[in-house]
Protein backbone atom coordinates (compact mmCIF):
# COMPACT_ATOMS: atom_id res chain seq x y z
CA MET A 1 -224.15 178.68 151.81
CA ARG A 2 -221.34 176.93 150.01
CA LYS A 3 -220.07 178.48 146.80
CA ASN A 4 -220.04 176.51 143.55
CA LEU A 5 -221.75 173.41 144.92
CA ALA A 6 -220.85 170.24 143.08
CA LEU A 7 -223.20 169.38 140.27
CA LEU A 8 -223.91 165.72 140.86
CA VAL A 9 -224.60 164.93 137.25
CA SER A 10 -224.87 161.17 137.50
CA GLY A 11 -223.94 158.21 139.64
CA LEU A 12 -221.23 156.17 138.00
CA ALA A 13 -220.52 153.55 140.64
CA ALA A 14 -220.44 150.74 138.09
CA LEU A 15 -217.46 152.19 136.24
CA SER A 16 -214.05 150.84 137.17
CA ALA A 17 -211.88 153.07 134.95
CA PRO A 18 -213.87 156.21 134.05
CA ALA A 19 -213.04 157.81 130.73
CA LEU A 20 -213.59 161.26 132.22
CA ALA A 21 -211.62 160.60 135.41
CA LEU A 22 -209.10 163.01 136.81
CA ASP A 23 -206.72 161.71 134.14
CA THR A 24 -208.59 163.92 131.67
CA SER A 25 -208.20 167.17 133.59
CA VAL A 26 -204.85 166.33 135.20
CA GLY A 27 -203.45 164.81 132.01
CA GLN A 28 -202.23 166.30 128.74
CA GLY A 29 -205.63 167.64 127.71
CA GLY A 30 -205.99 169.43 131.02
CA ILE A 31 -203.16 170.87 133.11
CA ASN A 32 -200.54 168.28 131.98
CA ALA A 33 -199.51 167.34 135.53
CA ARG A 34 -199.26 163.63 134.72
CA ARG A 35 -196.09 164.33 132.75
CA LEU A 36 -194.48 165.72 135.90
CA HIS A 37 -195.54 162.66 137.89
CA GLU A 38 -193.46 160.46 135.61
CA ALA A 39 -189.71 160.03 135.14
CA PRO A 40 -187.46 161.91 134.85
CA TYR A 41 -189.37 164.57 136.81
CA ASN A 42 -191.02 162.41 139.51
CA LEU A 43 -192.88 165.36 141.03
CA THR A 44 -195.90 164.46 143.17
CA GLY A 45 -195.80 167.16 145.84
CA ARG A 46 -193.73 165.24 148.40
CA LYS A 47 -193.24 167.12 151.71
CA ILE A 48 -195.01 170.22 150.37
CA ALA A 49 -197.87 171.55 152.49
CA ILE A 50 -200.98 173.03 150.92
CA GLY A 51 -204.24 174.06 152.53
CA GLN A 52 -208.01 174.05 152.11
CA VAL A 53 -210.67 176.25 153.72
CA GLU A 54 -214.38 175.57 153.19
CA ILE A 55 -217.67 175.46 155.06
CA GLY A 56 -217.09 171.73 155.63
CA ARG A 57 -214.01 169.55 155.51
CA PRO A 58 -212.92 166.30 153.87
CA GLY A 59 -213.32 163.17 155.93
CA LEU A 60 -210.27 161.62 157.59
CA PHE A 61 -210.05 157.83 157.67
CA GLY A 62 -209.78 156.65 161.26
CA LEU A 63 -211.48 159.78 162.63
CA ASP A 64 -214.73 159.91 160.68
CA LYS A 65 -217.03 156.90 160.31
CA VAL A 66 -218.59 158.38 157.19
CA VAL A 67 -215.39 157.61 155.25
CA SER A 68 -215.00 154.05 156.50
CA TRP A 69 -214.54 152.92 152.89
CA ASN A 70 -211.03 154.45 153.13
CA PRO A 71 -210.66 157.04 150.36
CA ALA A 72 -207.08 157.44 149.23
CA LEU A 73 -206.70 161.01 150.48
CA SER A 74 -203.43 162.25 151.96
CA LEU A 75 -204.60 164.50 154.80
CA ALA A 76 -201.99 165.93 157.14
CA GLY A 77 -204.53 167.60 159.43
CA VAL A 78 -208.22 168.48 159.70
CA PHE A 79 -209.68 171.25 161.84
CA HIS A 80 -212.81 173.13 162.81
CA ARG A 81 -211.72 176.74 162.48
CA ASP A 82 -208.60 176.92 164.70
CA SER A 83 -209.20 173.74 166.70
CA PRO A 84 -208.71 170.03 165.96
CA ALA A 85 -211.66 168.51 164.15
CA GLU A 86 -214.13 166.42 166.12
CA SER A 87 -215.11 163.01 164.84
CA ASN A 88 -217.89 163.07 162.22
CA LYS A 89 -218.52 166.82 162.55
CA PHE A 90 -218.61 169.12 159.52
CA VAL A 91 -217.55 166.32 157.14
CA ASP A 92 -218.72 167.40 153.72
CA THR A 93 -218.82 165.68 150.34
CA HIS A 94 -218.01 168.90 148.46
CA ALA A 95 -214.87 169.47 150.52
CA GLY A 96 -213.90 165.84 150.07
CA MET A 97 -214.22 166.04 146.30
CA VAL A 98 -212.19 169.26 146.15
CA ALA A 99 -209.50 167.60 148.28
CA ALA A 100 -209.50 164.60 145.93
CA VAL A 101 -208.62 166.81 142.97
CA MET A 102 -205.55 167.92 144.92
CA VAL A 103 -204.26 164.85 146.77
CA SER A 104 -206.17 161.69 145.81
CA GLY A 105 -203.86 158.69 145.63
CA ASP A 106 -206.42 156.39 144.03
CA LYS A 107 -204.94 154.54 141.05
CA ASP A 108 -207.83 155.52 138.75
CA LEU A 109 -208.51 158.97 140.21
CA ARG A 110 -205.06 160.23 141.07
CA GLY A 111 -204.97 163.88 142.07
CA VAL A 112 -202.66 166.65 140.91
CA ALA A 113 -200.25 166.30 143.85
CA PRO A 114 -201.02 162.94 145.50
CA ASP A 115 -198.10 163.12 147.94
CA ALA A 116 -198.64 166.70 149.12
CA ARG A 117 -199.52 167.36 152.77
CA LEU A 118 -203.06 168.79 152.85
CA TYR A 119 -204.34 170.70 155.88
CA ALA A 120 -208.08 171.43 155.81
CA SER A 121 -210.25 173.58 158.06
CA ALA A 122 -214.05 173.66 158.20
CA VAL A 123 -215.59 177.03 158.99
CA GLY A 124 -218.76 175.29 160.14
CA SER A 125 -222.31 176.56 160.28
CA LEU A 126 -222.70 180.04 158.82
CA ARG A 127 -225.56 180.67 161.23
CA ARG A 128 -222.92 180.88 163.93
CA GLY A 129 -220.18 182.56 161.98
CA GLY A 130 -219.11 184.45 158.92
CA GLN A 131 -216.10 186.32 157.61
CA PRO A 132 -214.32 186.64 160.99
CA GLU A 133 -214.49 182.88 161.52
CA GLU A 134 -213.43 182.25 157.92
CA CYS A 135 -210.41 184.52 158.45
CA LEU A 136 -209.55 182.63 161.64
CA SER A 137 -209.71 179.33 159.74
CA SER A 138 -207.46 180.67 156.98
CA GLN A 139 -204.86 181.90 159.44
CA HIS A 140 -204.86 178.55 161.26
CA VAL A 141 -204.26 176.63 158.04
CA ALA A 142 -201.52 179.07 156.95
CA LEU A 143 -199.67 178.42 160.23
CA GLN A 144 -199.56 174.63 159.83
CA ASN A 145 -196.46 172.63 158.89
CA ASN A 146 -194.32 174.93 161.04
CA ASP A 147 -195.70 178.01 159.29
CA ASP A 148 -194.78 176.61 155.88
CA VAL A 149 -197.92 176.19 153.77
CA ARG A 150 -197.27 177.17 150.16
CA ALA A 151 -200.84 177.56 148.79
CA ILE A 152 -204.39 177.57 150.17
CA ASN A 153 -207.50 176.60 148.21
CA TYR A 154 -210.80 178.46 148.56
CA SER A 155 -213.68 176.65 146.87
CA PHE A 156 -216.36 178.65 148.63
CA GLY A 157 -217.21 182.29 149.19
CA GLU A 158 -219.21 184.82 151.17
CA SER A 159 -222.35 186.62 150.06
CA LEU A 160 -222.40 190.36 149.64
CA ARG A 161 -225.82 190.18 151.25
CA ARG A 162 -224.21 188.83 154.42
CA ASP A 163 -221.46 191.46 154.39
CA PRO A 164 -222.07 193.98 157.23
CA ARG A 165 -220.85 196.96 155.21
CA PRO A 166 -223.63 199.24 154.02
CA GLU A 167 -224.08 198.96 150.24
CA ALA A 168 -221.37 196.29 150.11
CA ILE A 169 -219.53 196.03 146.79
CA LEU A 170 -216.61 194.05 145.37
CA ASP A 171 -213.93 196.66 146.05
CA GLY A 172 -211.45 194.51 147.95
CA ASN A 173 -212.50 195.85 151.34
CA ALA A 174 -214.61 193.08 152.83
CA LEU A 175 -213.01 191.74 156.01
CA LEU A 176 -212.33 188.33 154.45
CA THR A 177 -210.78 189.82 151.32
CA ARG A 178 -208.49 192.01 153.39
CA CYS A 179 -207.72 188.99 155.56
CA VAL A 180 -206.52 186.78 152.71
CA ASP A 181 -204.44 189.62 151.23
CA TRP A 182 -202.88 190.17 154.66
CA SER A 183 -202.26 186.45 155.12
CA ALA A 184 -200.73 186.07 151.65
CA ARG A 185 -198.13 188.70 152.52
CA VAL A 186 -197.49 187.84 156.19
CA HIS A 187 -197.58 184.04 155.84
CA ASP A 188 -196.16 184.01 152.29
CA VAL A 189 -198.88 181.75 150.89
CA LEU A 190 -200.56 181.80 147.48
CA TYR A 191 -204.34 181.90 147.84
CA VAL A 192 -206.27 180.35 144.94
CA ILE A 193 -209.91 181.44 144.92
CA ALA A 194 -212.74 179.79 143.00
CA GLY A 195 -214.25 182.50 140.82
CA ASN A 196 -217.91 183.29 141.24
CA GLN A 197 -220.58 181.56 139.19
CA GLY A 198 -224.29 180.88 139.34
CA SER A 199 -227.15 183.17 140.32
CA GLY A 200 -225.14 185.80 142.14
CA GLY A 201 -224.39 186.84 145.66
CA ILE A 202 -221.41 184.77 146.86
CA PRO A 203 -218.33 186.47 145.41
CA ILE A 204 -216.19 187.41 148.46
CA PRO A 205 -213.12 187.06 148.39
CA THR A 206 -212.87 186.86 144.58
CA ASP A 207 -211.86 190.54 144.71
CA LEU A 208 -208.52 189.82 146.39
CA TYR A 209 -205.31 191.36 145.05
CA ASN A 210 -202.53 189.10 146.35
CA GLY A 211 -203.63 185.73 144.99
CA ILE A 212 -205.26 184.03 142.00
CA THR A 213 -208.96 183.92 141.11
CA THR A 214 -209.95 181.28 138.58
CA ALA A 215 -212.67 180.60 136.02
CA TYR A 216 -213.18 177.15 134.55
CA THR A 217 -212.97 175.46 131.19
CA THR A 218 -214.87 172.62 129.60
CA GLU A 219 -213.43 169.90 127.38
CA ARG A 220 -213.70 169.85 123.60
CA ASP A 221 -212.37 166.81 121.70
CA GLY A 222 -210.36 165.65 124.69
CA VAL A 223 -208.79 169.03 125.49
CA PHE A 224 -209.99 171.70 127.92
CA THR A 225 -210.21 174.76 125.69
CA LYS A 226 -213.54 176.56 126.19
CA ILE A 227 -214.54 178.89 129.00
CA ASP A 228 -217.69 177.31 130.38
CA PHE A 229 -221.03 179.10 130.00
CA ALA A 230 -221.65 179.03 133.77
CA ASN A 231 -218.80 181.41 134.57
CA LEU A 232 -220.19 184.89 135.21
CA SER A 233 -217.06 186.77 134.26
CA ASP A 234 -217.97 189.22 131.56
CA LEU A 235 -218.58 192.91 131.00
CA PRO A 236 -221.91 194.08 132.47
CA GLU A 237 -223.98 194.63 129.34
CA GLY A 238 -227.57 193.94 128.36
CA ILE A 239 -229.60 191.12 129.91
CA GLY A 240 -228.19 190.06 133.27
CA ARG A 241 -226.33 193.33 133.76
CA SER A 242 -227.38 193.78 137.40
CA LEU A 243 -226.38 190.21 138.26
CA ILE A 244 -222.95 190.45 136.65
CA GLU A 245 -222.33 193.84 138.25
CA ARG A 246 -222.73 192.17 141.66
CA GLU A 247 -220.18 189.50 140.74
CA ILE A 248 -217.24 191.38 139.20
CA ASN A 249 -214.82 193.87 140.68
CA ILE A 250 -215.80 197.50 140.91
CA GLY A 251 -213.88 199.73 138.50
CA PRO A 252 -211.35 198.66 135.86
CA ARG A 253 -209.60 195.98 137.95
CA ARG A 254 -210.09 192.49 136.51
CA ALA A 255 -211.08 189.52 138.67
CA ILE A 256 -210.06 186.38 136.75
CA SER A 257 -206.34 185.60 136.78
CA LEU A 258 -206.22 182.14 135.26
CA VAL A 259 -208.50 179.35 133.99
CA ALA A 260 -208.36 175.63 134.73
CA PRO A 261 -210.45 172.50 134.03
CA GLY A 262 -213.73 172.45 135.93
CA SER A 263 -216.39 170.72 133.83
CA ASN A 264 -217.42 167.07 134.22
CA ILE A 265 -214.60 166.18 136.60
CA THR A 266 -215.05 162.62 137.91
CA VAL A 267 -214.43 162.13 141.64
CA PHE A 268 -215.64 159.99 144.55
CA ASP A 269 -218.43 161.21 146.82
CA LEU A 270 -218.64 160.41 150.55
CA ASP A 271 -220.21 157.03 149.84
CA GLY A 272 -217.41 155.98 147.51
CA LYS A 273 -219.53 156.40 144.39
CA LEU A 274 -218.19 158.02 141.26
CA VAL A 275 -219.87 161.28 140.30
CA LYS A 276 -219.26 164.00 137.75
CA VAL A 277 -218.92 167.50 139.14
CA SER A 278 -218.57 170.93 137.57
CA GLY A 279 -217.72 174.43 138.71
CA THR A 280 -214.90 176.77 139.60
CA SER A 281 -214.77 174.85 142.88
CA PHE A 282 -212.96 172.15 140.94
CA ALA A 283 -210.84 174.44 138.80
CA ALA A 284 -209.20 176.11 141.80
CA PRO A 285 -207.72 172.90 143.33
CA HIS A 286 -206.06 172.07 140.01
CA ILE A 287 -204.06 175.30 140.43
CA THR A 288 -203.49 175.00 144.18
CA ALA A 289 -202.04 171.50 143.87
CA SER A 290 -199.93 172.58 140.89
CA VAL A 291 -198.08 174.82 143.32
CA ALA A 292 -197.11 171.71 145.31
CA LEU A 293 -195.50 170.13 142.21
CA LEU A 294 -193.56 173.31 141.43
CA GLN A 295 -192.48 173.77 145.02
CA GLU A 296 -191.23 170.19 145.29
CA PHE A 297 -189.05 170.92 142.28
CA GLY A 298 -187.93 174.24 143.80
CA ASP A 299 -186.97 172.63 147.10
CA ARG A 300 -185.09 169.92 145.21
CA GLN A 301 -183.11 172.65 143.45
CA LEU A 302 -182.31 174.25 146.82
CA LYS A 303 -181.15 170.93 148.27
CA GLN A 304 -178.84 170.42 145.29
CA ASN A 305 -177.47 173.97 145.55
CA ALA A 306 -178.50 174.64 141.95
CA SER A 307 -177.07 177.72 140.34
CA ASN A 308 -179.41 180.68 139.81
CA TRP A 309 -181.68 179.41 142.56
CA SER A 310 -182.62 180.71 146.01
CA VAL A 311 -185.29 180.51 148.70
CA ASN A 312 -187.05 183.25 146.78
CA SER A 313 -188.45 180.36 144.71
CA ARG A 314 -190.90 179.86 147.60
CA ARG A 315 -192.36 183.36 147.37
CA HIS A 316 -196.07 183.58 146.54
CA GLU A 317 -195.41 186.50 144.16
CA VAL A 318 -193.01 184.29 142.17
CA MET A 319 -195.49 181.42 142.02
CA LYS A 320 -198.22 183.77 140.83
CA ALA A 321 -195.98 185.27 138.13
CA VAL A 322 -194.76 181.84 136.97
CA LEU A 323 -198.27 180.34 136.71
CA LEU A 324 -199.74 183.34 134.93
CA ASN A 325 -196.84 183.84 132.54
CA SER A 326 -196.72 180.20 131.43
CA ALA A 327 -200.48 179.97 130.79
CA GLU A 328 -201.66 178.92 127.33
CA LYS A 329 -203.55 181.32 125.05
CA VAL A 330 -203.14 180.47 121.37
CA GLN A 331 -201.72 177.30 119.81
CA ASP A 332 -198.21 177.62 118.43
CA PRO A 333 -197.94 177.06 114.64
CA GLY A 334 -194.90 174.83 115.17
CA ASP A 335 -192.10 177.37 114.85
CA GLY A 336 -191.97 178.44 118.50
CA SER A 337 -193.25 181.93 117.74
CA LEU A 338 -196.14 181.44 120.17
CA LEU A 339 -193.80 180.00 122.80
CA GLY A 340 -194.78 176.39 122.16
CA MET A 341 -198.37 176.70 123.40
CA ASN A 342 -200.45 173.58 122.78
CA ARG A 343 -204.00 174.90 122.64
CA THR A 344 -206.17 177.87 121.74
CA ILE A 345 -208.50 179.01 124.52
CA ARG A 346 -211.88 180.40 123.52
CA THR A 347 -214.21 182.48 125.62
CA LYS A 348 -217.94 181.85 126.05
CA ASP A 349 -218.58 183.98 122.96
CA ASN A 350 -215.82 182.13 121.05
CA ARG A 351 -213.20 184.89 121.19
CA THR A 352 -209.50 184.13 121.27
CA TRP A 353 -206.98 186.10 123.32
CA PHE A 354 -206.11 188.26 120.31
CA GLU A 355 -209.72 189.43 119.98
CA GLY A 356 -209.99 190.59 123.59
CA ASP A 357 -209.25 194.03 125.01
CA ALA A 358 -206.27 192.80 127.05
CA ALA A 359 -204.46 192.10 123.79
CA GLN A 360 -205.15 195.64 122.54
CA ASP A 361 -204.97 197.97 125.55
CA PRO A 362 -201.76 198.26 127.64
CA LYS A 363 -203.88 199.45 130.59
CA ILE A 364 -205.70 196.08 130.69
CA PRO A 365 -203.37 193.22 131.69
CA LEU A 366 -205.99 190.45 132.07
CA ASP A 367 -208.71 189.19 129.77
CA ILE A 368 -212.01 189.47 131.63
CA GLN A 369 -212.92 185.82 130.98
CA MET A 370 -209.58 183.99 130.81
CA GLY A 371 -207.10 186.14 132.77
CA THR A 372 -203.74 185.31 131.17
CA GLY A 373 -204.93 181.95 129.84
CA HIS A 374 -205.16 178.27 130.78
CA VAL A 375 -202.91 176.76 133.41
CA ASN A 376 -200.42 174.14 132.16
CA VAL A 377 -198.28 172.99 135.05
CA PHE A 378 -195.68 171.40 132.78
CA ARG A 379 -195.19 174.76 131.06
CA ALA A 380 -195.08 176.36 134.51
CA TYR A 381 -192.32 173.87 135.39
CA GLN A 382 -190.42 174.95 132.26
CA GLN A 383 -190.89 178.60 133.23
CA PHE A 384 -189.79 177.95 136.81
CA SER A 385 -186.79 175.83 135.83
CA GLY A 386 -185.36 178.81 133.93
CA GLY A 387 -184.07 179.96 137.31
CA GLN A 388 -183.69 183.27 139.08
CA TRP A 389 -181.82 186.10 137.36
CA SER A 390 -180.94 189.54 138.62
CA PRO A 391 -180.69 192.88 136.82
CA GLU A 392 -176.93 192.82 137.51
CA SER A 393 -176.26 190.32 134.72
CA SER A 394 -177.68 189.39 131.33
CA ALA A 395 -180.67 187.07 131.53
CA PRO A 396 -181.61 184.07 129.38
CA ALA A 397 -184.71 183.95 127.19
CA LEU A 398 -186.74 182.35 129.97
CA GLY A 399 -186.55 182.92 133.73
CA TRP A 400 -187.89 184.66 136.84
CA ASP A 401 -186.83 186.94 139.68
CA TYR A 402 -187.92 188.18 143.09
CA ARG A 403 -186.61 191.61 143.98
CA THR A 404 -187.48 195.08 145.23
CA VAL A 405 -187.71 198.40 143.43
CA GLU A 406 -187.60 201.88 144.92
CA ALA A 407 -190.19 204.59 144.30
CA ASP A 408 -189.59 206.63 141.13
CA SER A 409 -186.94 204.18 139.91
CA SER A 410 -186.72 201.00 137.86
CA GLN A 411 -184.98 197.65 137.40
CA ASP A 412 -183.79 196.54 133.95
CA TYR A 413 -183.30 192.94 132.84
CA GLU A 414 -181.20 192.74 129.67
CA LEU A 415 -181.88 189.60 127.63
CA GLU A 416 -178.59 188.07 126.51
CA GLN A 417 -179.85 186.71 123.17
CA PRO A 418 -181.54 188.65 120.35
CA LEU A 419 -185.27 187.97 120.04
CA GLN A 420 -186.79 186.63 116.84
CA LYS A 421 -188.85 189.00 114.71
CA GLY A 422 -192.49 187.90 114.64
CA SER A 423 -192.20 185.81 117.81
CA TYR A 424 -194.12 186.65 120.96
CA ALA A 425 -192.77 187.69 124.35
CA ALA A 426 -194.63 186.96 127.59
CA VAL A 427 -193.80 188.94 130.73
CA THR A 428 -195.71 188.93 134.03
CA LEU A 429 -195.17 191.15 137.07
CA ALA A 430 -196.95 190.50 140.39
CA TRP A 431 -196.83 192.39 143.68
CA ASP A 432 -198.93 192.82 146.82
CA ARG A 433 -201.47 195.27 148.07
CA LEU A 434 -200.38 196.29 151.59
CA VAL A 435 -202.99 195.21 154.15
CA GLU A 436 -202.09 195.40 157.82
CA LEU A 437 -203.72 193.83 160.88
CA ASN A 438 -205.15 196.15 163.50
CA ASP A 439 -203.62 193.98 166.22
CA GLU A 440 -205.35 195.14 169.39
CA ASN A 441 -203.58 192.70 171.73
CA ASN A 442 -200.20 192.80 169.93
CA ASN A 443 -199.92 189.02 169.58
CA ASP A 444 -199.16 189.10 165.81
CA ARG A 445 -202.26 187.00 165.19
CA TYR A 446 -205.74 187.74 163.93
CA ASP A 447 -208.30 187.36 166.73
CA LEU A 448 -212.07 187.55 166.52
CA GLY A 449 -213.13 191.16 166.87
CA GLU A 450 -210.05 192.56 165.12
CA ASP A 451 -209.97 193.99 161.63
CA PHE A 452 -207.56 195.14 158.93
CA ARG A 453 -206.32 198.37 157.41
CA ASP A 454 -205.86 198.75 153.65
CA ARG A 455 -202.82 200.91 152.93
CA GLY A 456 -203.34 200.70 149.20
CA LEU A 457 -201.51 199.42 146.17
CA ASN A 458 -198.29 200.88 144.86
CA ASN A 459 -198.39 201.26 141.07
CA LEU A 460 -195.81 199.25 139.12
CA ASP A 461 -195.52 198.98 135.33
CA VAL A 462 -193.57 196.64 133.05
CA TYR A 463 -192.11 197.29 129.60
CA LEU A 464 -190.33 195.41 126.81
CA MET A 465 -187.82 197.84 125.34
CA SER A 466 -184.97 197.95 122.87
CA ILE A 467 -181.75 197.38 124.80
CA ASP A 468 -180.35 200.79 123.86
CA SER A 469 -183.51 202.72 124.75
CA ASN A 470 -184.13 204.44 128.07
CA ASP A 471 -187.53 205.97 127.34
CA PRO A 472 -190.55 203.82 128.34
CA ARG A 473 -192.70 205.91 126.02
CA ARG A 474 -190.79 204.33 123.14
CA SER A 475 -191.15 200.78 124.44
CA VAL A 476 -192.07 197.93 122.12
CA CYS A 477 -194.77 196.69 124.50
CA ALA A 478 -196.10 197.78 127.88
CA SER A 479 -198.50 196.82 130.65
CA VAL A 480 -199.46 199.91 132.62
CA SER A 481 -202.65 199.19 134.56
CA GLU A 482 -203.45 201.78 137.20
CA ALA A 483 -205.64 199.42 139.23
CA ASP A 484 -204.37 195.83 139.11
CA SER A 485 -201.68 194.17 141.24
CA VAL A 486 -200.42 192.32 138.18
CA GLU A 487 -199.05 193.46 134.82
CA HIS A 488 -198.91 191.14 131.83
CA ILE A 489 -197.36 191.54 128.39
CA PHE A 490 -197.99 189.18 125.49
CA CYS A 491 -196.86 190.93 122.36
CA GLN A 492 -195.14 190.35 119.04
CA VAL A 493 -191.48 191.30 118.63
CA PRO A 494 -191.27 193.82 115.75
CA GLU A 495 -187.62 193.33 114.75
CA THR A 496 -184.89 190.81 115.45
CA GLY A 497 -182.59 192.37 118.01
CA ARG A 498 -181.58 192.79 121.66
CA TYR A 499 -184.25 193.74 124.19
CA LYS A 500 -184.65 194.37 127.89
CA ILE A 501 -187.48 194.15 130.42
CA ARG A 502 -188.05 197.18 132.64
CA VAL A 503 -189.91 197.10 135.97
CA GLN A 504 -190.93 200.67 136.80
CA TYR A 505 -192.19 201.90 140.19
CA ARG A 506 -194.63 204.46 138.81
CA SER A 507 -196.38 205.91 141.85
CA GLN A 508 -196.32 205.36 145.61
CA ALA A 509 -199.34 204.61 147.79
CA ASN A 510 -197.62 203.20 150.89
CA GLU A 511 -194.01 202.08 151.36
CA LYS A 512 -191.10 203.44 149.32
CA THR A 513 -189.70 199.96 148.64
CA GLN A 514 -191.88 197.46 146.79
CA ALA A 515 -191.18 193.72 146.44
CA TYR A 516 -192.29 191.94 143.25
CA GLY A 517 -192.21 188.65 141.40
CA LEU A 518 -191.31 188.68 137.70
CA ALA A 519 -191.40 185.96 135.04
CA TRP A 520 -190.55 186.14 131.34
CA TRP A 521 -190.63 183.77 128.35
CA THR A 522 -189.22 184.81 124.97
CA GLN A 523 -188.07 183.22 121.71
CA PRO A 524 -184.37 183.73 120.79
CA ALA A 525 -183.50 184.47 117.17
CA GLN A 526 -182.86 181.38 115.05
């Protein structure tokens, strides 16, 4: 059963320029991608490959009669699992609408990255398959474009009731969850997973470590600011406790990484009619396609031999850190102290970031409902354009890095400018759980019948410290989760002065050397 089925709220075929078209969610009140489409940025995802895996697939004009009305979708390839798609088989309106959010070229319903190369695979009937076939489909998509797919969208999921493990729980150990974590690392692709919603039972692989799981927002006064009531991402308390417990991660690890628009999104259905749809199914592709915009910019920087730039800009850990660190939480008062954020995000119970436990407890990096906040791809572009900086030299107020750290040691990033008292600093650290393929035939590919081995998660921490301090216990701010594969700091600078960011390899679960992506955004003193 497909996850987060589109809610076909109403037929709108008579409208020629819908007020709630993709321009609302892709524009300034949503993820602000339209600004990047325009000069001087001109970023539309050109030559960047992204992927889609669902039960069905979008229709391809010229192959499928059902889309004879010629939807403006840029599809580079369509498949059934790991084989070329057959005409008119497994074409699905839900998959087509998700694809439209990413790559629609329609003048009224232009997607986030209309010129990206989208590869889509249909898993097909679940009566004849399940997690192994879904893993096979994911691997096939990840290997397209000469093994260069930057992000893969999952707007469906598997039921715990269908999971063959006895007493199956969301602990990251379902075959499909291990598969996507393995694929993220081996194929260097950012998986974006639609967070669970509804009446329970279809949450796999929302418990992945090495990607992004999203909840969705609804629009208020033209701006997407409120976590929608349908998202089941909350602490298991009171009425509905048993349902929510089936849909969130076991233990202290948080599921939601980021939120994106997903309510009343206007798209075309298979018949060419305009419909409004809602769900995390439509939040996830906003994030997936945002990666294409950022990666087009990154590849442009590489082509121009830009300083402080390298192929590390393509790493999925860097993309994850950049998107999470640039997310919006609380509107800036106009003095830059809140890093220029344009909106305040409110949870279902009307909390702001500052009222949640992630803002209070250094062991909790992510708010349970909003993760690090609301995606804004223009802010992510600003974060990304800060460039790569190493611990060997002083770093600017805004930037990123991809590096390794050895067990029981650390990497320090000294910020070259003093930070402003009362301003906020955002720092995000992302790294991978180590999942390996039990490759029985030694072909370096997942084959049906094979499985995966979880070698665990090394424990990394991140600190904001005075530049002359060497004791993390005296840090200004810290993120020290013992369970998550991401650390996130958003804290107020107590005094104007020089600071540094420390990445600490706290404890070892597998390899001695751990790769990570790091992004930071601070406010220099005036």
